[in-house]
Amino acid sequence: MKRSIEWHETVAKNFTASLRVKYNELRRVRAKYDRMTIDHNFYYSQIAEAVKQGKDGFDRHRFMKAHKKEANGNSK
């Protein structure tokens, strides 16, 4: 069906807005994925270190906390 140029321009602008929303969603998902990957890798490091130290368990949120801050570039 034939449509006016104005109609096509409106559709194109809406398409651009939708792409912008999807791009921002993608950035948020990618940032979350990156954080989860860091946490995943650190978790395996904790397990390996606990085994190395002969521990029979550990608190995931406290064990090697200083190492995680160093790995993330934090000094606090």
PDB file of N, CA and C in Angstrom:
ATOM      1  N   MET A   1       0.835  -1.173   0.000  1.00  0.00           N
ATOM      2  CA  MET A   1       0.000   0.000   0.000  1.00  0.00           C
ATOM      3  C   MET A   1       0.887   1.245   0.000  1.00  0.00           C
ATOM      4  N   LYS A   2       0.527   2.183  -0.812  1.00  0.00           N
ATOM      5  CA  LYS A   2       1.279   3.428  -0.930  1.00  0.00           C
ATOM      6  C   LYS A   2       1.000   4.301   0.290  1.00  0.00           C
ATOM      7  N   ARG A   3       2.077   4.828   0.886  1.00  0.00           N
ATOM      8  CA  ARG A   3       1.970   5.722   2.042  1.00  0.00           C
ATOM      9  C   ARG A   3       2.715   7.017   1.740  1.00  0.00           C
ATOM     10  N   SER A   4       2.316   8.050   2.440  1.00  0.00           N
ATOM     11  CA  SER A   4       2.952   9.362   2.231  1.00  0.00           C
ATOM     12  C   SER A   4       4.362   9.369   2.815  1.00  0.00           C
ATOM     13  N   ILE A   5       5.171  10.285   2.322  1.00  0.00           N
ATOM     14  CA  ILE A   5       6.526  10.466   2.836  1.00  0.00           C
ATOM     15  C   ILE A   5       6.456  10.805   4.322  1.00  0.00           C
ATOM     16  N   GLU A   6       5.512  11.647   4.712  1.00  0.00           N
ATOM     17  CA  GLU A   6       5.352  12.016   6.124  1.00  0.00           C
ATOM     18  C   GLU A   6       5.123  10.768   6.987  1.00  0.00           C
ATOM     19  N   TRP A   7       4.294   9.871   6.512  1.00  0.00           N
ATOM     20  CA  TRP A   7       4.025   8.639   7.257  1.00  0.00           C
ATOM     21  C   TRP A   7       5.310   7.823   7.419  1.00  0.00           C
ATOM     22  N   HIS A   8       6.068   7.682   6.329  1.00  0.00           N
ATOM     23  CA  HIS A   8       7.324   6.932   6.374  1.00  0.00           C
ATOM     24  C   HIS A   8       8.336   7.601   7.301  1.00  0.00           C
ATOM     25  N   GLU A   9       8.378   8.924   7.284  1.00  0.00           N
ATOM     26  CA  GLU A   9       9.282   9.654   8.179  1.00  0.00           C
ATOM     27  C   GLU A   9       8.915   9.403   9.641  1.00  0.00           C
ATOM     28  N   THR A  10       7.636   9.400   9.947  1.00  0.00           N
ATOM     29  CA  THR A  10       7.166   9.137  11.309  1.00  0.00           C
ATOM     30  C   THR A  10       7.540   7.721  11.740  1.00  0.00           C
ATOM     31  N   VAL A  11       7.310   6.763  10.844  1.00  0.00           N
ATOM     32  CA  VAL A  11       7.666   5.375  11.140  1.00  0.00           C
ATOM     33  C   VAL A  11       9.178   5.256  11.368  1.00  0.00           C
ATOM     34  N   ALA A  12       9.956   5.919  10.552  1.00  0.00           N
ATOM     35  CA  ALA A  12      11.414   5.863  10.685  1.00  0.00           C
ATOM     36  C   ALA A  12      11.869   6.472  12.015  1.00  0.00           C
ATOM     37  N   LYS A  13      11.260   7.582  12.422  1.00  0.00           N
ATOM     38  CA  LYS A  13      11.603   8.211  13.708  1.00  0.00           C
ATOM     39  C   LYS A  13      11.245   7.287  14.866  1.00  0.00           C
ATOM     40  N   ASN A  14      10.096   6.638  14.781  1.00  0.00           N
ATOM     41  CA  ASN A  14       9.700   5.686  15.828  1.00  0.00           C
ATOM     42  C   ASN A  14      10.657   4.502  15.872  1.00  0.00           C
ATOM     43  N   PHE A  15      11.077   4.057  14.713  1.00  0.00           N
ATOM     44  CA  PHE A  15      12.037   2.963  14.613  1.00  0.00           C
ATOM     45  C   PHE A  15      13.346   3.358  15.293  1.00  0.00           C
ATOM     46  N   THR A  16      13.805   4.587  15.038  1.00  0.00           N
ATOM     47  CA  THR A  16      15.022   5.098  15.654  1.00  0.00           C
ATOM     48  C   THR A  16      14.884   5.124  17.170  1.00  0.00           C
ATOM     49  N   ALA A  17      13.745   5.580  17.660  1.00  0.00           N
ATOM     50  CA  ALA A  17      13.509   5.623  19.107  1.00  0.00           C
ATOM     51  C   ALA A  17      13.515   4.210  19.696  1.00  0.00           C
ATOM     52  N   SER A  18      12.913   3.265  19.001  1.00  0.00           N
ATOM     53  CA  SER A  18      12.894   1.877  19.473  1.00  0.00           C
ATOM     54  C   SER A  18      14.301   1.293  19.510  1.00  0.00           C
ATOM     55  N   LEU A  19      15.095   1.599  18.502  1.00  0.00           N
ATOM     56  CA  LEU A  19      16.482   1.132  18.482  1.00  0.00           C
ATOM     57  C   LEU A  19      17.261   1.701  19.664  1.00  0.00           C
ATOM     58  N   ARG A  20      17.035   2.964  19.976  1.00  0.00           N
ATOM     59  CA  ARG A  20      17.721   3.609  21.095  1.00  0.00           C
ATOM     60  C   ARG A  20      17.364   2.900  22.413  1.00  0.00           C
ATOM     61  N   VAL A  21      16.092   2.578  22.590  1.00  0.00           N
ATOM     62  CA  VAL A  21      15.654   1.870  23.797  1.00  0.00           C
ATOM     63  C   VAL A  21      16.320   0.502  23.871  1.00  0.00           C
ATOM     64  N   LYS A  22      16.313  -0.232  22.776  1.00  0.00           N
ATOM     65  CA  LYS A  22      16.924  -1.563  22.747  1.00  0.00           C
ATOM     66  C   LYS A  22      18.426  -1.491  22.998  1.00  0.00           C
ATOM     67  N   TYR A  23      19.078  -0.473  22.457  1.00  0.00           N
ATOM     68  CA  TYR A  23      20.512  -0.307  22.674  1.00  0.00           C
ATOM     69  C   TYR A  23      20.804  -0.089  24.157  1.00  0.00           C
ATOM     70  N   ASN A  24      19.998   0.752  24.802  1.00  0.00           N
ATOM     71  CA  ASN A  24      20.187   1.003  26.232  1.00  0.00           C
ATOM     72  C   ASN A  24      19.925  -0.259  27.054  1.00  0.00           C
ATOM     73  N   GLU A  25      18.924  -1.034  26.675  1.00  0.00           N
ATOM     74  CA  GLU A  25      18.664  -2.311  27.345  1.00  0.00           C
ATOM     75  C   GLU A  25      19.864  -3.244  27.181  1.00  0.00           C
ATOM     76  N   LEU A  26      20.391  -3.284  25.976  1.00  0.00           N
ATOM     77  CA  LEU A  26      21.542  -4.130  25.691  1.00  0.00           C
ATOM     78  C   LEU A  26      22.747  -3.725  26.536  1.00  0.00           C
ATOM     79  N   ARG A  27      22.978  -2.432  26.674  1.00  0.00           N
ATOM     80  CA  ARG A  27      24.091  -1.944  27.498  1.00  0.00           C
ATOM     81  C   ARG A  27      23.924  -2.364  28.947  1.00  0.00           C
ATOM     82  N   ARG A  28      22.683  -2.278  29.469  1.00  0.00           N
ATOM     83  CA  ARG A  28      22.428  -2.685  30.850  1.00  0.00           C
ATOM     84  C   ARG A  28      22.652  -4.190  31.027  1.00  0.00           C
ATOM     85  N   VAL A  29      22.165  -4.964  30.076  1.00  0.00           N
ATOM     86  CA  VAL A  29      22.340  -6.420  30.156  1.00  0.00           C
ATOM     87  C   VAL A  29      23.818  -6.771  30.054  1.00  0.00           C
ATOM     88  N   ARG A  30      24.538  -6.107  29.162  1.00  0.00           N
ATOM     89  CA  ARG A  30      25.968  -6.374  29.001  1.00  0.00           C
ATOM     90  C   ARG A  30      26.740  -6.031  30.272  1.00  0.00           C
ATOM     91  N   ALA A  31      26.397  -4.913  30.896  1.00  0.00           N
ATOM     92  CA  ALA A  31      27.064  -4.528  32.149  1.00  0.00           C
ATOM     93  C   ALA A  31      26.782  -5.565  33.239  1.00  0.00           C
ATOM     94  N   LYS A  32      25.550  -6.028  33.314  1.00  0.00           N
ATOM     95  CA  LYS A  32      25.209  -7.053  34.302  1.00  0.00           C
ATOM     96  C   LYS A  32      25.965  -8.344  34.006  1.00  0.00           C
ATOM     97  N   TYR A  33      26.030  -8.737  32.740  1.00  0.00           N
ATOM     98  CA  TYR A  33      26.773  -9.934  32.337  1.00  0.00           C
ATOM     99  C   TYR A  33      28.248  -9.812  32.744  1.00  0.00           C
ATOM    100  N   ASP A  34      28.832  -8.661  32.496  1.00  0.00           N
ATOM    101  CA  ASP A  34      30.241  -8.445  32.842  1.00  0.00           C
ATOM    102  C   ASP A  34      30.453  -8.567  34.350  1.00  0.00           C
ATOM    103  N   ARG A  35      29.555  -7.963  35.157  1.00  0.00           N
ATOM    104  CA  ARG A  35      29.658  -8.070  36.616  1.00  0.00           C
ATOM    105  C   ARG A  35      29.503  -9.523  37.070  1.00  0.00           C
ATOM    106  N   MET A  36      28.552 -10.226  36.466  1.00  0.00           N
ATOM    107  CA  MET A  36      28.335 -11.627  36.833  1.00  0.00           C
ATOM    108  C   MET A  36      29.539 -12.489  36.467  1.00  0.00           C
ATOM    109  N   THR A  37      30.178 -12.207  35.345  1.00  0.00           N
ATOM    110  CA  THR A  37      31.362 -12.955  34.935  1.00  0.00           C
ATOM    111  C   THR A  37      32.500 -12.749  35.931  1.00  0.00           C
ATOM    112  N   ILE A  38      32.676 -11.526  36.373  1.00  0.00           N
ATOM    113  CA  ILE A  38      33.705 -11.231  37.379  1.00  0.00           C
ATOM    114  C   ILE A  38      33.403 -11.986  38.670  1.00  0.00           C
ATOM    115  N   ASP A  39      32.142 -11.931  39.102  1.00  0.00           N
ATOM    116  CA  ASP A  39      31.747 -12.639  40.326  1.00  0.00           C
ATOM    117  C   ASP A  39      31.930 -14.143  40.180  1.00  0.00           C
ATOM    118  N   HIS A  40      31.579 -14.675  39.039  1.00  0.00           N
ATOM    119  CA  HIS A  40      31.726 -16.112  38.761  1.00  0.00           C
ATOM    120  C   HIS A  40      33.186 -16.530  38.857  1.00  0.00           C
ATOM    121  N   ASN A  41      34.044 -15.782  38.197  1.00  0.00           N
ATOM    122  CA  ASN A  41      35.469 -16.110  38.213  1.00  0.00           C
ATOM    123  C   ASN A  41      36.052 -15.994  39.614  1.00  0.00           C
ATOM    124  N   PHE A  42      35.623 -14.961  40.351  1.00  0.00           N
ATOM    125  CA  PHE A  42      36.111 -14.782  41.712  1.00  0.00           C
ATOM    126  C   PHE A  42      35.639 -15.915  42.608  1.00  0.00           C
ATOM    127  N   TYR A  43      34.412 -16.371  42.416  1.00  0.00           N
ATOM    128  CA  TYR A  43      33.871 -17.471  43.210  1.00  0.00           C
ATOM    129  C   TYR A  43      34.725 -18.725  43.035  1.00  0.00           C
ATOM    130  N   TYR A  44      35.089 -19.019  41.795  1.00  0.00           N
ATOM    131  CA  TYR A  44      35.962 -20.174  41.560  1.00  0.00           C
ATOM    132  C   TYR A  44      37.341 -19.960  42.181  1.00  0.00           C
ATOM    133  N   SER A  45      37.828 -18.730  42.200  1.00  0.00           N
ATOM    134  CA  SER A  45      39.098 -18.424  42.865  1.00  0.00           C
ATOM    135  C   SER A  45      38.986 -18.677  44.367  1.00  0.00           C
ATOM    136  N   GLN A  46      37.847 -18.284  44.939  1.00  0.00           N
ATOM    137  CA  GLN A  46      37.628 -18.524  46.370  1.00  0.00           C
ATOM    138  C   GLN A  46      37.654 -20.024  46.666  1.00  0.00           C
ATOM    139  N   ILE A  47      36.961 -20.789  45.851  1.00  0.00           N
ATOM    140  CA  ILE A  47      36.913 -22.240  46.059  1.00  0.00           C
ATOM    141  C   ILE A  47      38.317 -22.829  45.986  1.00  0.00           C
ATOM    142  N   ALA A  48      39.057 -22.448  44.955  1.00  0.00           N
ATOM    143  CA  ALA A  48      40.416 -22.967  44.785  1.00  0.00           C
ATOM    144  C   ALA A  48      41.300 -22.585  45.970  1.00  0.00           C
ATOM    145  N   GLU A  49      41.192 -21.349  46.429  1.00  0.00           N
ATOM    146  CA  GLU A  49      42.004 -20.895  47.558  1.00  0.00           C
ATOM    147  C   GLU A  49      41.607 -21.605  48.848  1.00  0.00           C
ATOM    148  N   ALA A  50      40.320 -21.825  49.049  1.00  0.00           N
ATOM    149  CA  ALA A  50      39.863 -22.534  50.246  1.00  0.00           C
ATOM    150  C   ALA A  50      40.395 -23.972  50.251  1.00  0.00           C
ATOM    151  N   VAL A  51      40.356 -24.616  49.100  1.00  0.00           N
ATOM    152  CA  VAL A  51      40.895 -25.982  48.988  1.00  0.00           C
ATOM    153  C   VAL A  51      42.396 -25.955  49.268  1.00  0.00           C
ATOM    154  N   LYS A  52      43.092 -24.992  48.683  1.00  0.00           N
ATOM    155  CA  LYS A  52      44.542 -24.852  48.868  1.00  0.00           C
ATOM    156  C   LYS A  52      44.894 -24.672  50.351  1.00  0.00           C
ATOM    157  N   GLN A  53      44.059 -23.900  51.060  1.00  0.00           N
ATOM    158  CA  GLN A  53      44.297 -23.649  52.488  1.00  0.00           C
ATOM    159  C   GLN A  53      43.781 -24.777  53.380  1.00  0.00           C
ATOM    160  N   GLY A  54      43.185 -25.789  52.781  1.00  0.00           N
ATOM    161  CA  GLY A  54      42.689 -26.928  53.553  1.00  0.00           C
ATOM    162  C   GLY A  54      41.413 -26.634  54.326  1.00  0.00           C
ATOM    163  N   LYS A  55      40.678 -25.624  53.914  1.00  0.00           N
ATOM    164  CA  LYS A  55      39.427 -25.279  54.596  1.00  0.00           C
ATOM    165  C   LYS A  55      38.333 -26.273  54.206  1.00  0.00           C
ATOM    166  N   ASP A  56      37.380 -26.441  55.131  1.00  0.00           N
ATOM    167  CA  ASP A  56      36.244 -27.309  54.814  1.00  0.00           C
ATOM    168  C   ASP A  56      35.001 -26.491  54.475  1.00  0.00           C
ATOM    169  N   GLY A  57      35.134 -25.176  54.458  1.00  0.00           N
ATOM    170  CA  GLY A  57      34.045 -24.273  54.096  1.00  0.00           C
ATOM    171  C   GLY A  57      34.505 -22.837  54.234  1.00  0.00           C
ATOM    172  N   PHE A  58      33.695 -21.918  53.758  1.00  0.00           N
ATOM    173  CA  PHE A  58      34.013 -20.494  53.875  1.00  0.00           C
ATOM    174  C   PHE A  58      32.757 -19.665  53.647  1.00  0.00           C
ATOM    175  N   ASP A  59      32.811 -18.431  54.115  1.00  0.00           N
ATOM    176  CA  ASP A  59      31.731 -17.471  53.890  1.00  0.00           C
ATOM    177  C   ASP A  59      32.041 -16.752  52.581  1.00  0.00           C
ATOM    178  N   ARG A  60      31.249 -17.015  51.593  1.00  0.00           N
ATOM    179  CA  ARG A  60      31.492 -16.478  50.253  1.00  0.00           C
ATOM    180  C   ARG A  60      31.607 -14.960  50.241  1.00  0.00           C
ATOM    181  N   HIS A  61      30.879 -14.271  51.107  1.00  0.00           N
ATOM    182  CA  HIS A  61      30.854 -12.809  51.095  1.00  0.00           C
ATOM    183  C   HIS A  61      32.007 -12.179  51.876  1.00  0.00           C
ATOM    184  N   ARG A  62      32.744 -13.000  52.635  1.00  0.00           N
ATOM    185  CA  ARG A  62      33.836 -12.458  53.429  1.00  0.00           C
ATOM    186  C   ARG A  62      35.204 -12.988  53.024  1.00  0.00           C
ATOM    187  N   PHE A  63      35.273 -14.227  52.577  1.00  0.00           N
ATOM    188  CA  PHE A  63      36.544 -14.870  52.273  1.00  0.00           C
ATOM    189  C   PHE A  63      37.200 -14.223  51.059  1.00  0.00           C
ATOM    190  N   MET A  64      38.438 -13.787  51.234  1.00  0.00           N
ATOM    191  CA  MET A  64      39.239 -13.168  50.173  1.00  0.00           C
ATOM    192  C   MET A  64      38.654 -11.831  49.712  1.00  0.00           C
ATOM    193  N   LYS A  65      37.914 -11.170  50.572  1.00  0.00           N
ATOM    194  CA  LYS A  65      37.281  -9.900  50.203  1.00  0.00           C
ATOM    195  C   LYS A  65      38.316  -8.881  49.720  1.00  0.00           C
ATOM    196  N   ALA A  66      39.461  -8.822  50.375  1.00  0.00           N
ATOM    197  CA  ALA A  66      40.510  -7.870  49.974  1.00  0.00           C
ATOM    198  C   ALA A  66      41.014  -8.176  48.565  1.00  0.00           C
ATOM    199  N   HIS A  67      41.092  -9.467  48.220  1.00  0.00           N
ATOM    200  CA  HIS A  67      41.550  -9.843  46.878  1.00  0.00           C
ATOM    201  C   HIS A  67      40.572  -9.377  45.810  1.00  0.00           C
ATOM    202  N   LYS A  68      39.284  -9.465  46.110  1.00  0.00           N
ATOM    203  CA  LYS A  68      38.284  -9.045  45.128  1.00  0.00           C
ATOM    204  C   LYS A  68      38.371  -7.543  44.893  1.00  0.00           C
ATOM    205  N   LYS A  69      38.546  -6.767  45.968  1.00  0.00           N
ATOM    206  CA  LYS A  69      38.658  -5.311  45.816  1.00  0.00           C
ATOM    207  C   LYS A  69      39.884  -4.949  44.997  1.00  0.00           C
ATOM    208  N   GLU A  70      40.985  -5.657  45.229  1.00  0.00           N
ATOM    209  CA  GLU A  70      42.202  -5.396  44.450  1.00  0.00           C
ATOM    210  C   GLU A  70      41.977  -5.735  42.978  1.00  0.00           C
ATOM    211  N   ALA A  71      41.298  -6.843  42.732  1.00  0.00           N
ATOM    212  CA  ALA A  71      41.048  -7.270  41.351  1.00  0.00           C
ATOM    213  C   ALA A  71      40.144  -6.292  40.616  1.00  0.00           C
ATOM    214  N   ASN A  72      39.247  -5.632  41.343  1.00  0.00           N
ATOM    215  CA  ASN A  72      38.336  -4.667  40.736  1.00  0.00           C
ATOM    216  C   ASN A  72      38.906  -3.259  40.704  1.00  0.00           C
ATOM    217  N   GLY A  73      40.108  -3.079  41.227  1.00  0.00           N
ATOM    218  CA  GLY A  73      40.737  -1.766  41.201  1.00  0.00           C
ATOM    219  C   GLY A  73      40.323  -0.876  42.349  1.00  0.00           C
ATOM    220  N   ASN A  74      39.684  -1.428  43.368  1.00  0.00           N
ATOM    221  CA  ASN A  74      39.295  -0.654  44.545  1.00  0.00           C
ATOM    222  C   ASN A  74      40.356  -0.805  45.617  1.00  0.00           C
ATOM    223  N   SER A  75      40.559   0.250  46.371  1.00  0.00           N
ATOM    224  CA  SER A  75      41.569   0.182  47.423  1.00  0.00           C
ATOM    225  C   SER A  75      40.949   0.233  48.811  1.00  0.00           C
ATOM    226  N   LYS A  76      39.650   0.366  48.914  1.00  0.00           N
ATOM    227  CA  LYS A  76      38.980   0.438  50.216  1.00  0.00           C
ATOM    228  C   LYS A  76      38.679  -0.944  50.745  1.00  0.00           C
TER     229      LYS A  76
END
